[in-house]
Structure formats: structure tokens, C-alpha cells
Amino acid sequence: MASFIVEGGHKLHGSITPQGAKNEALQVLCAVLLTKETVVINNLPNILDVNNLIDLLASIGVRVEKLTKGTYAFTARELDTAYLRSADFLKKCNKLRGSVMLIGPLLARLGEVTYAKPGGDKIGRRRLDTHFQGMVNLGATFKYDQELLAYRFSGKHLRGCYMLLDEASVTGTANIIMASVLAEGTTTIYNAACEPYVQQLCRLLNNMGSKISGVGSNLLTIEGVKELHGAQHTLLPDMIEVGSFIGMAAITGSELRICKVGYRDLGIIPDAFRRLGIRIDVDGDDIIIPAQEHYQIESFLDGSILTIADAPWPGLTPDLLSVLLVVATQAKGTVLIHQKMFESRLFFVDKLIDMGAQIILCDPHRAVVVGHDHQRQLKHHTMTSPDIRAGIAMLIAAMSAEGTSRIDHIDQIDRGYEDIEHRLNAIGAHIKREK
């Protein structure tokens, strides 16, 4: 396992450009299975989760061609059905959470798929009911194979229907959309997730010949078609990385330009940081974080303590709450961070408390942060990254801390952030990778 050795207390300067969006990449990569023609995807980030999914597609029989840095061509002309029933396929699925979105396109394309329970971050219960029930609504059946420890789906003739999702699951919505585009008749999905990355998936599919309307809303209508054709697609900038860079600049008191952020698709993210007192200036499609010695947390209009909570889009993405929590440790004031979706995502705060942060973990979902107002630096510490987002939050804390910190198990960070230490060192950070 590799580790980061982080020398804290250094100012950042200059500019940095976010990578392509990880979560969008995992969706559109699965969509290439829906056509025999070539799909070209631009701006793919060079990160573990994306590379593992590309490797899995190649194992399935997809011809993968790297055209330039970040641009790949995928041709799923013939799929290896024998491999799809192999133990190796199930093993690879088990290591990658995003592989769950293979169910919809493989079911639509082949009429059957065997799938192992996916891996991913250990951040609490992450149920698959929305995915499975969506396939059942379209006419598929599934059963659990105790010998293979896997689910067997069958659905030779998927038919469109009306369905009301019990939760606005992003990956669940994406899976159902991909199964529906080749189904017979019309599918209506209410309470659909409407994140920009789901919108991007719909745009790609429409460019491939799908008929999806209501894109950007929580009510999608999909008219099934006989077949799809090739297309070209460019990923949005990664909004989580944009938020991470805002947090790094703020907590280190640095001036930083973040370039080509896709500001229109950031939603409420900039305002969430502004509520912590962080100034964000917009210059075209760049945002500029001016150097601030102090930033003060707002209160609600009635004077009560500010609460920052995650919510389905256009609410705040849960993936940034860990970053906002760390940034709040050096703000002036108090804030309640409420992580509604995952019950284990706040457990990393004990490391921040060991670094000198004033945090009360109320329960698995809520933490009260009392900021230091930069009057007292966090102390260096040795930590282990439990998941992608906690890992980057620990890195941000270490960058602002006094002394040299160590972060172990950084392959978790590598799953979501491309070449992060070199990119940050280029703007003033002092991070060394140690094997």
C-alpha cells in the first residue's frame, strides 16, 4: 500500500484544471455496450475506478482504443458471453461499485446477465433495490445463485412501463434508463435522479438514437427503439474535484484560479462554500478563490446555527460534505454537518479531532464543527483513508496542518483523483508518495 507524506502549512498559487467527472465516466462507459458501433468518449480521467471499468469492458469483448490522452474509442461489436458467465467476471464486478450499471445495458443487449454484489466505498448501507426493482418493472426476473454468490437476471423481452422510484438513486436511474432505451414501448420514470451526470448520460444516449425526454427533471419519458448507433461524447469537469480545490485554497489561505469548471453544472456547490464565508469570484468558466485570512460561517436568518446537509439534486451532493466539514474546522463560527445518505461517512472525524479540530460527533449522521478561525492550526497526524472522499478530506486537513502528516491506504484517493500529488505540488503543495 502506498502513503502520502504531506508537509503542511504551504500556500497554493497559480491555477489548476479539474479532471473529467468520475461519476459520469462510470455511467457512459457502461452505455457503450448498447450499440455495436463505435462510441468515442473524451476527457476520461486516468483514475483507478475508470481504468478498472475500461479493463472490465475489454475483458467482456469490447474493443478499446486509446486515441489521445483522455480520449478512447469503444466498439462493442461482439461480446464474450462465456466470459460474462465466468468467475473472473464476477470477481472483477465485486471490486468495482460502478460495475452495477452493467446490468441494464447487458440485459437490454443480451437478455440475460449474471452479476455479483459490487464493491466500492465502505460508507454504510448501499442497497441495490432500486436497480433490481427497475429491471423487474421492465419484465425481467432475477434469482440469487447461492453457489456462485451472484444474481442471475433474465429478460429477453423488456417492455416499457410507468414506475415511481422509491429513492432518487443516481446509479439506479442510470441503470433503468439504459435498460429502457431498447425496451418495447414507452417507459416513464418518476422521482428519477436528475444530476448533471444523469443528464449527460441521456444526451449521449439521444445522440446514439434514443428518444428520451424530460432530461434535467425528475420525470423521464423513454420511447424504446430497435437499435442504437455510435456517437461522440465529452465528460463534464468533475464537480467533486472542483469543490475539493475550493476547500484546499480556503483552508490554506491561498489565492487559486480553478479553470474550466463547468460553472453552470455546479448547482448549489459554490453557495455551500459561500455560506462558510469563502469568497468565490466567477470569471467566465473559471472560478477564483481570493486569499482570505478569515472566513466566517453564516447563521440562518433567525440567528440559529447553520446546517449544511446533503440532498438529491439540485440539492448538495453528499460527496462534498467531508470536504466542507474539514474546511469548517478553520472557519469562524459553528456549523452542523448533516450527512443523511450514508451512516459511516463521518467516522473519519476522529482523526480530525486527534489533529486538534473541535468537532462533536452527535451520531453516525451529524457532526457539529466549531471553527478555529485560523487562530490555531491543526496538528500533524498519521491517518488511514477509509474511502475516496474521506481520503481527500484528510489530505486537505494535512495540507493546512502544522508539521508533516502521513496518510496511508491512498489507493482509495487514487480511485477518484488523477495524479493528485503532482498536480497539487505544481501549485505549491508539498506531497510525497511513499510505497
Protein backbone atom coordinates (compact mmCIF):
# COMPACT_ATOMS: atom_id res chain seq x y z
CA MET A 1 0.00 0.00 0.00
CA ALA A 2 1.20 3.50 -0.82
CA SER A 3 1.11 6.51 1.51
CA PHE A 4 1.22 10.28 1.20
CA ILE A 5 3.74 12.23 3.27
CA VAL A 6 2.28 15.74 3.49
CA GLU A 7 4.20 18.76 4.74
CA GLY A 8 1.55 21.20 5.85
CA GLY A 9 1.38 24.97 6.00
CA HIS A 10 2.27 25.81 2.39
CA LYS A 11 0.29 28.33 0.33
CA LEU A 12 -1.12 27.38 -3.04
CA HIS A 13 -0.83 29.65 -6.07
CA GLY A 14 -1.50 29.75 -9.79
CA SER A 15 -4.20 27.71 -11.50
CA ILE A 16 -5.46 24.15 -11.74
CA THR A 17 -7.94 22.43 -14.05
CA PRO A 18 -10.32 19.70 -12.82
CA GLN A 19 -10.32 16.26 -14.40
CA GLY A 20 -13.26 14.73 -16.23
CA ALA A 21 -16.12 13.65 -13.98
CA LYS A 22 -15.58 10.22 -12.39
CA ASN A 23 -19.26 9.51 -11.73
CA GLU A 24 -20.29 10.47 -15.26
CA ALA A 25 -17.48 8.36 -16.72
CA LEU A 26 -18.72 5.19 -15.00
CA GLN A 27 -22.22 5.71 -16.44
CA VAL A 28 -21.31 6.49 -20.04
CA LEU A 29 -18.70 3.71 -20.17
CA CYS A 30 -21.45 1.18 -19.41
CA ALA A 31 -23.61 2.75 -22.15
CA VAL A 32 -21.13 1.74 -24.89
CA LEU A 33 -22.49 -1.82 -24.52
CA LEU A 34 -25.83 -0.74 -26.03
CA THR A 35 -24.54 -0.49 -29.61
CA LYS A 36 -22.33 -2.48 -31.96
CA GLU A 37 -20.95 0.76 -33.39
CA THR A 38 -18.06 2.86 -32.07
CA VAL A 39 -18.56 5.32 -29.22
CA VAL A 40 -15.81 7.88 -28.60
CA ILE A 41 -15.54 9.40 -25.11
CA ASN A 42 -13.39 12.47 -24.40
CA ASN A 43 -11.97 13.80 -21.11
CA LEU A 44 -11.85 10.43 -19.32
CA PRO A 45 -9.85 10.75 -16.08
CA ASN A 46 -6.88 8.43 -15.54
CA ILE A 47 -8.06 7.05 -12.20
CA LEU A 48 -8.35 3.54 -10.77
CA ASP A 49 -12.14 3.17 -10.89
CA VAL A 50 -12.34 4.30 -14.52
CA ASN A 51 -9.33 2.23 -15.60
CA ASN A 52 -10.75 -0.86 -13.88
CA LEU A 53 -14.07 -0.45 -15.68
CA ILE A 54 -12.31 0.01 -19.03
CA ASP A 55 -10.33 -3.18 -18.31
CA LEU A 56 -13.58 -4.99 -17.49
CA LEU A 57 -15.17 -3.81 -20.76
CA ALA A 58 -12.15 -5.11 -22.68
CA SER A 59 -12.48 -8.48 -20.91
CA ILE A 60 -16.15 -8.63 -21.95
CA GLY A 61 -15.09 -8.28 -25.57
CA VAL A 62 -15.30 -4.54 -26.18
CA ARG A 63 -12.54 -3.29 -28.49
CA VAL A 64 -10.84 -0.41 -26.65
CA GLU A 65 -8.60 2.03 -28.49
CA LYS A 66 -6.80 4.94 -26.81
CA LEU A 67 -6.82 7.81 -29.31
CA THR A 68 -5.18 10.58 -27.25
CA LYS A 69 -4.78 11.37 -23.56
CA GLY A 70 -8.24 11.05 -22.06
CA THR A 71 -9.93 10.06 -25.35
CA TYR A 72 -10.92 6.45 -26.05
CA ALA A 73 -12.93 4.67 -28.73
CA PHE A 74 -15.11 1.71 -27.66
CA THR A 75 -16.64 -0.81 -30.05
CA ALA A 76 -18.86 -3.50 -28.52
CA ARG A 77 -19.49 -5.39 -31.76
CA GLU A 78 -19.24 -8.86 -30.27
CA LEU A 79 -19.49 -9.64 -26.57
CA ASP A 80 -17.88 -12.66 -24.93
CA THR A 81 -20.91 -14.37 -23.41
CA ALA A 82 -18.76 -17.18 -21.99
CA TYR A 83 -16.64 -14.66 -20.08
CA LEU A 84 -19.79 -12.98 -18.78
CA ARG A 85 -20.62 -16.24 -17.02
CA SER A 86 -17.09 -16.73 -15.65
CA ALA A 87 -15.79 -16.46 -12.09
CA ASP A 88 -13.29 -13.83 -13.23
CA PHE A 89 -16.09 -11.53 -14.44
CA LEU A 90 -17.88 -11.84 -11.11
CA LYS A 91 -14.64 -11.22 -9.22
CA LYS A 92 -13.95 -8.00 -11.16
CA CYS A 93 -17.53 -6.79 -10.65
CA ASN A 94 -17.18 -7.41 -6.93
CA LYS A 95 -14.24 -4.99 -6.75
CA LEU A 96 -15.93 -2.07 -8.50
CA ARG A 97 -19.11 -0.34 -7.34
CA GLY A 98 -19.74 1.26 -10.74
CA SER A 99 -19.99 -2.18 -12.35
CA VAL A 100 -23.60 -2.38 -11.08
CA MET A 101 -24.53 -0.21 -14.08
CA LEU A 102 -23.58 -3.07 -16.41
CA ILE A 103 -26.84 -4.84 -15.51
CA GLY A 104 -29.15 -2.54 -17.51
CA PRO A 105 -27.20 -2.41 -20.80
CA LEU A 106 -26.26 -6.13 -20.75
CA LEU A 107 -29.86 -7.12 -20.03
CA ALA A 108 -31.08 -4.88 -22.86
CA ARG A 109 -28.43 -6.17 -25.27
CA LEU A 110 -28.29 -9.89 -24.40
CA GLY A 111 -31.46 -10.61 -22.46
CA GLU A 112 -29.54 -12.05 -19.52
CA VAL A 113 -26.70 -11.24 -17.14
CA THR A 114 -25.10 -12.77 -14.04
CA TYR A 115 -23.86 -10.23 -11.55
CA ALA A 116 -22.00 -10.34 -8.23
CA LYS A 117 -22.62 -7.89 -5.42
CA PRO A 118 -20.44 -4.83 -6.16
CA GLY A 119 -17.62 -3.42 -4.05
CA GLY A 120 -16.80 0.27 -3.53
CA ASP A 121 -16.50 2.59 -0.55
CA LYS A 122 -17.40 1.19 2.86
CA ILE A 123 -19.55 4.12 3.91
CA GLY A 124 -22.60 2.32 5.23
CA ARG A 125 -25.56 0.51 3.73
CA ARG A 126 -25.80 0.94 -0.05
CA ARG A 127 -28.81 -1.04 -1.16
CA LEU A 128 -29.50 -2.17 -4.73
CA ASP A 129 -33.29 -2.41 -4.50
CA THR A 130 -33.89 0.47 -6.94
CA HIS A 131 -31.71 -1.18 -9.59
CA PHE A 132 -33.30 -4.61 -9.21
CA GLN A 133 -36.90 -3.41 -8.93
CA GLY A 134 -36.42 -1.29 -12.04
CA MET A 135 -35.41 -4.39 -14.03
CA VAL A 136 -38.40 -6.30 -12.64
CA ASN A 137 -40.72 -3.44 -13.64
CA LEU A 138 -39.45 -3.79 -17.21
CA GLY A 139 -40.29 -7.50 -17.22
CA ALA A 140 -37.04 -9.12 -16.09
CA THR A 141 -36.71 -11.77 -13.42
CA PHE A 142 -33.80 -12.46 -11.09
CA LYS A 143 -32.76 -15.04 -8.54
CA TYR A 144 -29.80 -15.43 -6.25
CA ASP A 145 -27.39 -18.25 -7.06
CA GLN A 146 -26.04 -19.48 -3.73
CA GLU A 147 -23.24 -21.45 -5.38
CA LEU A 148 -21.94 -18.51 -7.42
CA LEU A 149 -22.82 -15.92 -4.76
CA ALA A 150 -24.32 -13.89 -7.60
CA TYR A 151 -27.64 -12.74 -9.06
CA ARG A 152 -28.95 -14.18 -12.33
CA PHE A 153 -31.12 -11.79 -14.39
CA SER A 154 -33.25 -12.84 -17.34
CA GLY A 155 -35.31 -10.58 -19.57
CA LYS A 156 -35.48 -11.47 -23.25
CA HIS A 157 -38.39 -9.13 -23.96
CA LEU A 158 -38.22 -5.97 -21.85
CA ARG A 159 -41.34 -3.81 -22.03
CA GLY A 160 -41.73 -0.17 -21.09
CA CYS A 161 -43.94 0.82 -18.18
CA TYR A 162 -44.60 3.57 -15.63
CA MET A 163 -42.52 3.39 -12.47
CA LEU A 164 -42.19 5.57 -9.39
CA LEU A 165 -38.75 5.08 -7.84
CA ASP A 166 -38.65 4.67 -4.07
CA GLU A 167 -35.44 6.73 -3.99
CA ALA A 168 -33.83 9.12 -6.47
CA SER A 169 -30.81 6.86 -6.88
CA VAL A 170 -28.30 8.21 -9.41
CA THR A 171 -26.86 4.86 -10.44
CA GLY A 172 -30.29 3.22 -10.16
CA THR A 173 -31.78 5.81 -12.51
CA ALA A 174 -28.88 5.39 -14.95
CA ASN A 175 -29.29 1.60 -14.92
CA ILE A 176 -33.03 1.77 -15.60
CA ILE A 177 -32.56 4.33 -18.39
CA MET A 178 -30.03 2.09 -20.15
CA ALA A 179 -32.32 -0.94 -19.87
CA SER A 180 -35.31 1.09 -21.14
CA VAL A 181 -33.85 2.58 -24.32
CA LEU A 182 -34.06 -0.77 -26.16
CA ALA A 183 -37.27 -1.96 -24.44
CA GLU A 184 -40.54 -2.27 -26.32
CA GLY A 185 -42.92 0.67 -25.80
CA THR A 186 -42.67 3.70 -23.53
CA THR A 187 -41.06 3.84 -20.10
CA THR A 188 -41.87 6.65 -17.66
CA ILE A 189 -39.57 7.12 -14.65
CA TYR A 190 -40.86 9.40 -11.89
CA ASN A 191 -38.63 10.50 -8.99
CA ALA A 192 -35.68 9.95 -11.31
CA ALA A 193 -32.31 11.36 -10.26
CA CYS A 194 -31.59 14.49 -12.30
CA GLU A 195 -27.89 15.13 -11.52
CA PRO A 196 -25.86 16.67 -14.38
CA TYR A 197 -24.18 13.31 -14.91
CA VAL A 198 -27.54 11.59 -15.49
CA GLN A 199 -28.40 14.42 -17.89
CA GLN A 200 -25.12 13.78 -19.70
CA LEU A 201 -25.92 10.06 -19.99
CA CYS A 202 -29.29 10.94 -21.52
CA ARG A 203 -27.65 13.31 -24.00
CA LEU A 204 -25.19 10.62 -25.08
CA LEU A 205 -27.99 8.07 -25.50
CA ASN A 206 -30.08 10.54 -27.51
CA ASN A 207 -27.06 11.17 -29.74
CA MET A 208 -26.91 7.39 -30.19
CA GLY A 209 -30.53 7.33 -31.36
CA SER A 210 -32.54 7.04 -28.14
CA LYS A 211 -35.72 9.02 -27.55
CA ILE A 212 -35.50 10.39 -24.01
CA SER A 213 -37.49 13.46 -22.98
CA GLY A 214 -37.68 15.35 -19.68
CA VAL A 215 -33.87 15.47 -19.36
CA GLY A 216 -32.94 17.61 -16.36
CA SER A 217 -36.20 16.88 -14.50
CA ASN A 218 -37.25 14.05 -12.20
CA LEU A 219 -39.79 12.80 -14.76
CA LEU A 220 -38.22 10.99 -17.71
CA THR A 221 -40.07 9.51 -20.68
CA ILE A 222 -38.23 6.97 -22.81
CA GLU A 223 -39.60 5.65 -26.10
CA GLY A 224 -37.89 2.37 -26.85
CA VAL A 225 -36.04 1.96 -30.16
CA LYS A 226 -34.84 -1.11 -32.08
CA GLU A 227 -31.14 -0.25 -32.07
CA LEU A 228 -28.60 2.46 -31.28
CA HIS A 229 -25.64 3.75 -33.29
CA GLY A 230 -22.24 5.23 -32.49
CA ALA A 231 -21.65 8.73 -31.14
CA GLN A 232 -19.06 11.02 -29.57
CA HIS A 233 -19.28 12.40 -26.05
CA THR A 234 -17.26 14.72 -23.78
CA LEU A 235 -17.37 14.44 -19.98
CA LEU A 236 -18.14 17.40 -17.76
CA PRO A 237 -15.49 18.63 -15.29
CA ASP A 238 -15.63 16.74 -12.01
CA MET A 239 -17.69 18.85 -9.60
CA ILE A 240 -16.29 16.98 -6.58
CA GLU A 241 -12.75 17.84 -7.60
CA VAL A 242 -13.78 21.47 -8.12
CA GLY A 243 -15.17 21.53 -4.57
CA SER A 244 -12.03 19.85 -3.24
CA PHE A 245 -9.84 22.56 -4.81
CA ILE A 246 -12.06 25.31 -3.34
CA GLY A 247 -11.60 23.71 0.08
CA MET A 248 -7.82 23.43 -0.32
CA ALA A 249 -7.48 27.10 -1.27
CA ALA A 250 -9.72 28.29 1.56
CA ILE A 251 -8.19 26.30 4.40
CA THR A 252 -4.61 27.23 3.38
CA GLY A 253 -5.49 30.92 2.91
CA SER A 254 -4.38 30.76 -0.72
CA GLU A 255 -5.40 32.54 -3.91
CA LEU A 256 -6.20 29.99 -6.60
CA ARG A 257 -7.80 30.00 -10.05
CA ILE A 258 -9.76 26.84 -10.89
CA CYS A 259 -10.14 26.68 -14.66
CA LYS A 260 -12.92 25.35 -16.88
CA VAL A 261 -15.14 24.22 -14.02
CA GLY A 262 -18.43 23.90 -15.93
CA TYR A 263 -19.94 26.52 -13.61
CA ARG A 264 -23.50 26.11 -14.92
CA ASP A 265 -23.47 22.47 -13.77
CA LEU A 266 -22.06 23.07 -10.28
CA GLY A 267 -25.51 23.79 -8.89
CA ILE A 268 -25.55 24.76 -5.22
CA ILE A 269 -21.91 23.81 -4.57
CA PRO A 270 -20.41 27.34 -4.77
CA ASP A 271 -23.14 28.69 -2.46
CA ALA A 272 -22.45 25.95 0.11
CA PHE A 273 -18.84 27.18 0.38
CA ARG A 274 -20.00 30.81 0.41
CA ARG A 275 -22.16 30.01 3.45
CA LEU A 276 -18.94 29.05 5.23
CA GLY A 277 -17.68 32.57 4.45
CA ILE A 278 -15.49 31.67 1.48
CA ARG A 279 -15.39 34.23 -1.29
CA ILE A 280 -15.78 32.77 -4.80
CA ASP A 281 -15.41 35.01 -7.85
CA VAL A 282 -16.52 33.88 -11.29
CA ASP A 283 -14.54 34.77 -14.42
CA GLY A 284 -16.13 33.17 -17.47
CA ASP A 285 -15.99 29.44 -16.81
CA ASP A 286 -13.20 29.84 -14.21
CA ILE A 287 -13.64 30.50 -10.52
CA ILE A 288 -11.13 32.43 -8.44
CA ILE A 289 -10.67 31.88 -4.71
CA PRO A 290 -9.01 35.01 -3.26
CA ALA A 291 -6.62 34.63 -0.33
CA GLN A 292 -8.58 35.04 2.92
CA GLU A 293 -7.06 35.14 6.38
CA HIS A 294 -10.51 34.60 7.89
CA TYR A 295 -13.84 33.27 6.68
CA GLN A 296 -16.97 33.41 8.84
CA ILE A 297 -19.79 30.89 8.85
CA GLU A 298 -23.23 32.37 8.25
CA SER A 299 -26.17 31.82 10.57
CA PHE A 300 -29.74 31.24 9.50
CA LEU A 301 -31.92 34.36 9.29
CA ASP A 302 -33.40 33.67 12.74
CA GLY A 303 -29.89 33.55 14.21
CA SER A 304 -29.78 29.78 14.66
CA ILE A 305 -26.70 27.69 13.83
CA LEU A 306 -26.20 26.92 10.14
CA THR A 307 -26.88 23.36 8.99
CA ILE A 308 -25.31 22.01 5.80
CA ALA A 309 -26.95 18.80 4.61
CA ASP A 310 -26.90 16.62 1.52
CA ALA A 311 -29.97 16.20 -0.67
CA PRO A 312 -30.92 14.85 -4.11
CA TRP A 313 -30.01 17.19 -6.96
CA PRO A 314 -30.36 20.14 -7.19
CA GLY A 315 -29.51 19.83 -3.50
CA LEU A 316 -25.95 19.41 -2.24
CA THR A 317 -24.08 16.26 -3.27
CA PRO A 318 -23.11 14.05 -0.29
CA ASP A 319 -19.66 13.55 -1.83
CA LEU A 320 -18.59 17.06 -0.73
CA LEU A 321 -19.73 17.01 2.90
CA SER A 322 -16.39 15.57 4.08
CA VAL A 323 -14.56 18.46 2.37
CA LEU A 324 -16.94 21.09 3.77
CA LEU A 325 -16.53 19.64 7.25
CA VAL A 326 -12.72 19.93 7.12
CA VAL A 327 -12.89 23.48 5.75
CA ALA A 328 -15.24 24.45 8.60
CA THR A 329 -12.59 23.49 11.19
CA GLN A 330 -10.69 26.71 10.35
CA ALA A 331 -13.72 28.98 9.85
CA LYS A 332 -15.05 31.45 12.39
CA GLY A 333 -18.29 30.15 13.84
CA THR A 334 -20.18 26.90 14.24
CA VAL A 335 -21.93 24.64 11.74
CA LEU A 336 -23.87 21.38 11.89
CA ILE A 337 -22.91 18.95 9.11
CA HIS A 338 -25.77 16.51 8.45
CA GLN A 339 -24.86 13.51 6.27
CA LYS A 340 -28.27 11.98 5.58
CA MET A 341 -27.42 9.36 3.00
CA PHE A 342 -24.60 7.24 4.47
CA GLU A 343 -24.23 6.28 8.11
CA SER A 344 -20.47 5.66 8.14
CA ARG A 345 -19.14 8.60 6.18
CA LEU A 346 -18.50 10.83 9.20
CA PHE A 347 -16.49 8.29 11.17
CA PHE A 348 -13.20 9.75 9.87
CA VAL A 349 -13.70 12.85 12.07
CA ASP A 350 -11.97 11.12 14.99
CA LYS A 351 -8.71 11.67 13.04
CA LEU A 352 -9.51 15.38 12.74
CA ILE A 353 -10.22 15.53 16.46
CA ASP A 354 -6.80 13.97 17.08
CA MET A 355 -5.37 16.79 14.93
CA GLY A 356 -6.93 19.34 17.27
CA ALA A 357 -10.22 20.07 15.47
CA GLN A 358 -13.19 20.94 17.65
CA ILE A 359 -15.87 18.53 16.45
CA ILE A 360 -18.70 16.81 18.28
CA LEU A 361 -19.88 13.66 16.51
CA CYS A 362 -23.54 13.62 17.56
CA ASP A 363 -24.43 10.33 15.85
CA PRO A 364 -23.48 8.49 12.63
CA HIS A 365 -25.14 11.20 10.54
CA ARG A 366 -24.41 14.52 12.30
CA ALA A 367 -21.35 16.42 13.46
CA VAL A 368 -21.05 19.88 14.99
CA VAL A 369 -17.91 21.77 13.97
CA VAL A 370 -16.61 24.73 15.98
CA GLY A 371 -14.11 26.57 13.81
CA HIS A 372 -10.68 27.77 14.96
CA ASP A 373 -10.79 30.93 12.81
CA HIS A 374 -7.15 30.16 11.85
CA GLN A 375 -6.14 31.07 15.41
CA ARG A 376 -4.90 27.54 15.97
CA GLN A 377 -3.50 25.23 13.29
CA LEU A 378 -4.38 21.58 13.08
CA LYS A 379 -1.55 19.30 14.22
CA HIS A 380 0.20 16.73 12.05
CA HIS A 381 -1.06 13.17 12.37
CA THR A 382 -0.89 9.68 10.86
CA MET A 383 -4.15 8.59 9.24
CA THR A 384 -5.62 5.84 7.04
CA SER A 385 -8.02 6.69 4.23
CA PRO A 386 -11.27 4.69 4.58
CA ASP A 387 -12.86 5.90 1.31
CA ILE A 388 -12.30 8.33 -1.57
CA ARG A 389 -13.98 11.39 -0.09
CA ALA A 390 -12.67 10.95 3.46
CA GLY A 391 -9.24 10.44 1.91
CA ILE A 392 -9.27 13.77 0.10
CA ALA A 393 -10.65 15.46 3.23
CA MET A 394 -7.70 14.06 5.21
CA LEU A 395 -5.33 15.35 2.53
CA ILE A 396 -6.86 18.83 2.79
CA ALA A 397 -6.52 18.74 6.59
CA ALA A 398 -2.87 17.64 6.31
CA MET A 399 -2.12 20.45 3.81
CA SER A 400 -3.26 23.00 6.38
CA ALA A 401 -1.73 21.32 9.43
CA GLU A 402 1.43 22.19 11.31
CA GLY A 403 4.22 19.68 10.63
CA THR A 404 4.29 16.58 8.44
CA SER A 405 1.39 14.14 8.29
CA ARG A 406 1.12 10.65 6.84
CA ILE A 407 -1.92 9.25 5.04
CA ASP A 408 -1.94 5.50 4.42
CA HIS A 409 -4.11 3.47 2.03
CA ILE A 410 -4.07 6.24 -0.59
CA ASP A 411 -5.19 3.86 -3.34
CA GLN A 412 -8.61 4.97 -2.11
CA ILE A 413 -7.76 8.54 -3.18
CA ASP A 414 -6.32 7.25 -6.47
CA ARG A 415 -9.71 5.71 -7.25
CA GLY A 416 -11.16 9.19 -7.70
CA TYR A 417 -8.37 11.74 -8.21
CA GLU A 418 -5.95 11.70 -11.15
CA ASP A 419 -2.24 12.17 -10.41
CA ILE A 420 -3.29 14.31 -7.48
CA GLU A 421 0.07 14.83 -5.75
CA HIS A 422 1.85 16.05 -8.90
CA ARG A 423 -0.98 18.40 -9.82
CA LEU A 424 -1.07 19.87 -6.30
CA ASN A 425 2.72 20.10 -5.98
CA ALA A 426 2.71 22.13 -9.21
CA ILE A 427 0.67 24.81 -7.41
CA GLY A 428 2.66 24.87 -4.17
CA ALA A 429 1.74 21.80 -2.12
CA HIS A 430 4.42 19.56 -0.59
CA ILE A 431 3.20 15.97 -1.02
CA LYS A 432 5.35 12.90 -1.49
CA ARG A 433 4.15 9.44 -2.43
CA GLU A 434 5.83 6.65 -0.49
CA LYS A 435 5.45 2.95 -1.25
